[in-house]
Amino acid sequence: MVQVVRRFLRDERGATAIEYGLLGILVGVGAIVAFTTLGDNLSLMFGTSEGGISAAMQNSLTANAEAMGGGQ
């Protein structure tokens, strides 16, 4: 029985597969964190851009209406 335990403790054949599995998990978690952060930042950026574009279009329409004499 002692020999079986010693042989088991010295056997490193499965260590590489476990290391690759842990590395894959680490890469996956890193990708999820990066995509979540990137998604939040893109959402904020496009929301801000959309608000600015809407305001600029409204100002342009108002200025055109006033220039044509319709803003009275």
N, C-alpha and C. Protein backbone atom coordinates (compact mmCIF):
# COMPACT_ATOMS: atom_id res chain seq x y z
N MET A 1 0.82 -1.19 0.00
CA MET A 1 0.00 0.00 0.00
C MET A 1 0.87 1.26 0.00
N VAL A 2 1.93 1.28 0.75
CA VAL A 2 2.83 2.43 0.83
C VAL A 2 3.46 2.67 -0.54
N GLN A 3 3.79 1.57 -1.24
CA GLN A 3 4.40 1.71 -2.57
C GLN A 3 3.42 2.36 -3.56
N VAL A 4 2.16 2.02 -3.46
CA VAL A 4 1.14 2.59 -4.34
C VAL A 4 1.03 4.10 -4.10
N VAL A 5 1.04 4.52 -2.85
CA VAL A 5 0.94 5.94 -2.52
C VAL A 5 2.17 6.67 -3.00
N ARG A 6 3.36 6.08 -2.82
CA ARG A 6 4.60 6.73 -3.28
C ARG A 6 4.59 6.87 -4.80
N ARG A 7 4.18 5.84 -5.48
CA ARG A 7 4.13 5.88 -6.94
C ARG A 7 3.13 6.94 -7.41
N PHE A 8 2.01 7.04 -6.72
CA PHE A 8 1.00 8.04 -7.06
C PHE A 8 1.54 9.47 -6.86
N LEU A 9 2.26 9.69 -5.78
CA LEU A 9 2.80 11.02 -5.49
C LEU A 9 3.90 11.43 -6.46
N ARG A 10 4.64 10.45 -7.00
CA ARG A 10 5.72 10.75 -7.95
C ARG A 10 5.22 10.87 -9.38
N ASP A 11 4.03 10.40 -9.65
CA ASP A 11 3.49 10.41 -11.02
C ASP A 11 3.05 11.83 -11.38
N GLU A 12 3.65 12.39 -12.44
CA GLU A 12 3.34 13.76 -12.86
C GLU A 12 2.72 13.80 -14.26
N ARG A 13 2.22 12.70 -14.74
CA ARG A 13 1.69 12.67 -16.10
C ARG A 13 0.46 13.56 -16.28
N GLY A 14 -0.39 13.68 -15.30
CA GLY A 14 -1.60 14.49 -15.43
C GLY A 14 -1.41 15.96 -15.08
N ALA A 15 -0.23 16.30 -14.58
CA ALA A 15 0.01 17.67 -14.15
C ALA A 15 -0.09 18.65 -15.31
N THR A 16 0.42 18.28 -16.48
CA THR A 16 0.39 19.18 -17.63
C THR A 16 -1.04 19.49 -18.05
N ALA A 17 -1.88 18.47 -18.08
CA ALA A 17 -3.28 18.69 -18.46
C ALA A 17 -3.98 19.61 -17.46
N ILE A 18 -3.70 19.43 -16.21
CA ILE A 18 -4.31 20.28 -15.18
C ILE A 18 -3.82 21.71 -15.32
N GLU A 19 -2.53 21.87 -15.59
CA GLU A 19 -1.98 23.22 -15.77
C GLU A 19 -2.62 23.91 -16.96
N TYR A 20 -2.78 23.20 -18.06
CA TYR A 20 -3.44 23.79 -19.24
C TYR A 20 -4.90 24.13 -18.93
N GLY A 21 -5.56 23.29 -18.17
CA GLY A 21 -6.94 23.57 -17.79
C GLY A 21 -7.05 24.83 -16.94
N LEU A 22 -6.15 24.96 -15.97
CA LEU A 22 -6.16 26.16 -15.13
C LEU A 22 -5.81 27.40 -15.94
N LEU A 23 -4.87 27.27 -16.87
CA LEU A 23 -4.52 28.40 -17.72
C LEU A 23 -5.71 28.80 -18.60
N GLY A 24 -6.43 27.82 -19.13
CA GLY A 24 -7.62 28.11 -19.93
C GLY A 24 -8.69 28.83 -19.12
N ILE A 25 -8.88 28.41 -17.89
CA ILE A 25 -9.86 29.06 -17.02
C ILE A 25 -9.44 30.51 -16.75
N LEU A 26 -8.15 30.71 -16.49
CA LEU A 26 -7.64 32.05 -16.22
C LEU A 26 -7.83 32.96 -17.44
N VAL A 27 -7.55 32.45 -18.62
CA VAL A 27 -7.75 33.24 -19.84
C VAL A 27 -9.23 33.56 -20.02
N GLY A 28 -10.09 32.59 -19.77
CA GLY A 28 -11.53 32.81 -19.90
C GLY A 28 -12.04 33.87 -18.94
N VAL A 29 -11.61 33.83 -17.70
CA VAL A 29 -12.03 34.83 -16.72
C VAL A 29 -11.52 36.22 -17.12
N GLY A 30 -10.28 36.27 -17.59
CA GLY A 30 -9.72 37.54 -18.05
C GLY A 30 -10.50 38.11 -19.22
N ALA A 31 -10.89 37.24 -20.16
CA ALA A 31 -11.67 37.70 -21.31
C ALA A 31 -13.04 38.22 -20.88
N ILE A 32 -13.68 37.53 -19.96
CA ILE A 32 -14.99 37.97 -19.48
C ILE A 32 -14.88 39.34 -18.81
N VAL A 33 -13.88 39.53 -17.99
CA VAL A 33 -13.68 40.81 -17.31
C VAL A 33 -13.42 41.91 -18.34
N ALA A 34 -12.56 41.62 -19.32
CA ALA A 34 -12.22 42.62 -20.34
C ALA A 34 -13.45 42.98 -21.17
N PHE A 35 -14.22 41.99 -21.61
CA PHE A 35 -15.39 42.27 -22.43
C PHE A 35 -16.46 43.02 -21.65
N THR A 36 -16.62 42.68 -20.38
CA THR A 36 -17.61 43.38 -19.56
C THR A 36 -17.22 44.85 -19.40
N THR A 37 -15.96 45.09 -19.09
CA THR A 37 -15.48 46.47 -18.93
C THR A 37 -15.58 47.23 -20.24
N LEU A 38 -15.16 46.59 -21.33
CA LEU A 38 -15.22 47.22 -22.64
C LEU A 38 -16.67 47.52 -23.02
N GLY A 39 -17.56 46.59 -22.76
CA GLY A 39 -18.98 46.79 -23.07
C GLY A 39 -19.58 47.95 -22.32
N ASP A 40 -19.25 48.05 -21.03
CA ASP A 40 -19.76 49.17 -20.22
C ASP A 40 -19.23 50.50 -20.75
N ASN A 41 -17.94 50.53 -21.09
CA ASN A 41 -17.34 51.76 -21.59
C ASN A 41 -17.93 52.14 -22.95
N LEU A 42 -18.15 51.16 -23.82
CA LEU A 42 -18.73 51.45 -25.13
C LEU A 42 -20.16 51.95 -24.98
N SER A 43 -20.91 51.35 -24.08
CA SER A 43 -22.28 51.79 -23.84
C SER A 43 -22.32 53.23 -23.36
N LEU A 44 -21.43 53.56 -22.44
CA LEU A 44 -21.36 54.93 -21.92
C LEU A 44 -20.95 55.90 -23.04
N MET A 45 -19.95 55.49 -23.84
CA MET A 45 -19.46 56.36 -24.90
C MET A 45 -20.54 56.62 -25.95
N PHE A 46 -21.23 55.57 -26.38
CA PHE A 46 -22.26 55.75 -27.40
C PHE A 46 -23.46 56.51 -26.84
N GLY A 47 -23.78 56.32 -25.57
CA GLY A 47 -24.87 57.07 -24.96
C GLY A 47 -24.54 58.56 -24.91
N THR A 48 -23.30 58.88 -24.57
CA THR A 48 -22.87 60.28 -24.53
C THR A 48 -22.86 60.87 -25.93
N SER A 49 -22.36 60.10 -26.90
CA SER A 49 -22.32 60.58 -28.29
C SER A 49 -23.72 60.81 -28.83
N GLU A 50 -24.63 59.90 -28.51
CA GLU A 50 -26.01 60.02 -28.98
C GLU A 50 -26.66 61.29 -28.43
N GLY A 51 -26.39 61.59 -27.17
CA GLY A 51 -26.95 62.80 -26.57
C GLY A 51 -26.40 64.06 -27.22
N GLY A 52 -25.11 64.06 -27.52
CA GLY A 52 -24.49 65.20 -28.18
C GLY A 52 -24.99 65.39 -29.59
N ILE A 53 -25.15 64.30 -30.32
CA ILE A 53 -25.65 64.37 -31.70
C ILE A 53 -27.09 64.87 -31.71
N SER A 54 -27.90 64.37 -30.79
CA SER A 54 -29.29 64.82 -30.73
C SER A 54 -29.39 66.31 -30.44
N ALA A 55 -28.58 66.79 -29.52
CA ALA A 55 -28.58 68.22 -29.19
C ALA A 55 -28.11 69.05 -30.38
N ALA A 56 -27.08 68.58 -31.07
CA ALA A 56 -26.57 69.32 -32.23
C ALA A 56 -27.61 69.37 -33.35
N MET A 57 -28.30 68.27 -33.57
CA MET A 57 -29.34 68.25 -34.62
C MET A 57 -30.48 69.20 -34.25
N GLN A 58 -30.88 69.19 -32.98
CA GLN A 58 -31.96 70.08 -32.54
C GLN A 58 -31.57 71.54 -32.71
N ASN A 59 -30.33 71.88 -32.33
CA ASN A 59 -29.84 73.25 -32.49
C ASN A 59 -29.79 73.65 -33.96
N SER A 60 -29.38 72.71 -34.81
CA SER A 60 -29.30 72.99 -36.25
C SER A 60 -30.69 73.22 -36.83
N LEU A 61 -31.64 72.40 -36.44
CA LEU A 61 -33.01 72.56 -36.94
C LEU A 61 -33.61 73.88 -36.47
N THR A 62 -33.36 74.24 -35.23
CA THR A 62 -33.86 75.51 -34.68
C THR A 62 -33.23 76.69 -35.42
N ALA A 63 -31.92 76.62 -35.64
CA ALA A 63 -31.23 77.71 -36.34
C ALA A 63 -31.72 77.84 -37.78
N ASN A 64 -31.97 76.71 -38.46
CA ASN A 64 -32.48 76.76 -39.83
C ASN A 64 -33.89 77.35 -39.87
N ALA A 65 -34.72 76.98 -38.92
CA ALA A 65 -36.08 77.51 -38.88
C ALA A 65 -36.07 79.01 -38.63
N GLU A 66 -35.21 79.47 -37.76
CA GLU A 66 -35.12 80.90 -37.49
C GLU A 66 -34.57 81.66 -38.69
N ALA A 67 -33.61 81.03 -39.40
CA ALA A 67 -33.03 81.68 -40.56
C ALA A 67 -34.05 81.81 -41.69
N MET A 68 -35.01 80.89 -41.75
CA MET A 68 -36.02 80.92 -42.79
C MET A 68 -37.24 81.75 -42.36
N GLY A 69 -37.18 82.29 -41.15
CA GLY A 69 -38.25 83.14 -40.69
C GLY A 69 -39.37 82.38 -40.01
N GLY A 70 -39.17 81.13 -39.71
CA GLY A 70 -40.22 80.34 -39.07
C GLY A 70 -40.12 80.32 -37.57
N GLY A 71 -39.13 80.96 -37.01
CA GLY A 71 -38.94 80.90 -35.57
C GLY A 71 -39.60 82.05 -34.84
N GLN A 72 -40.57 82.71 -35.42
CA GLN A 72 -41.18 83.89 -34.79
C GLN A 72 -42.29 83.51 -33.87
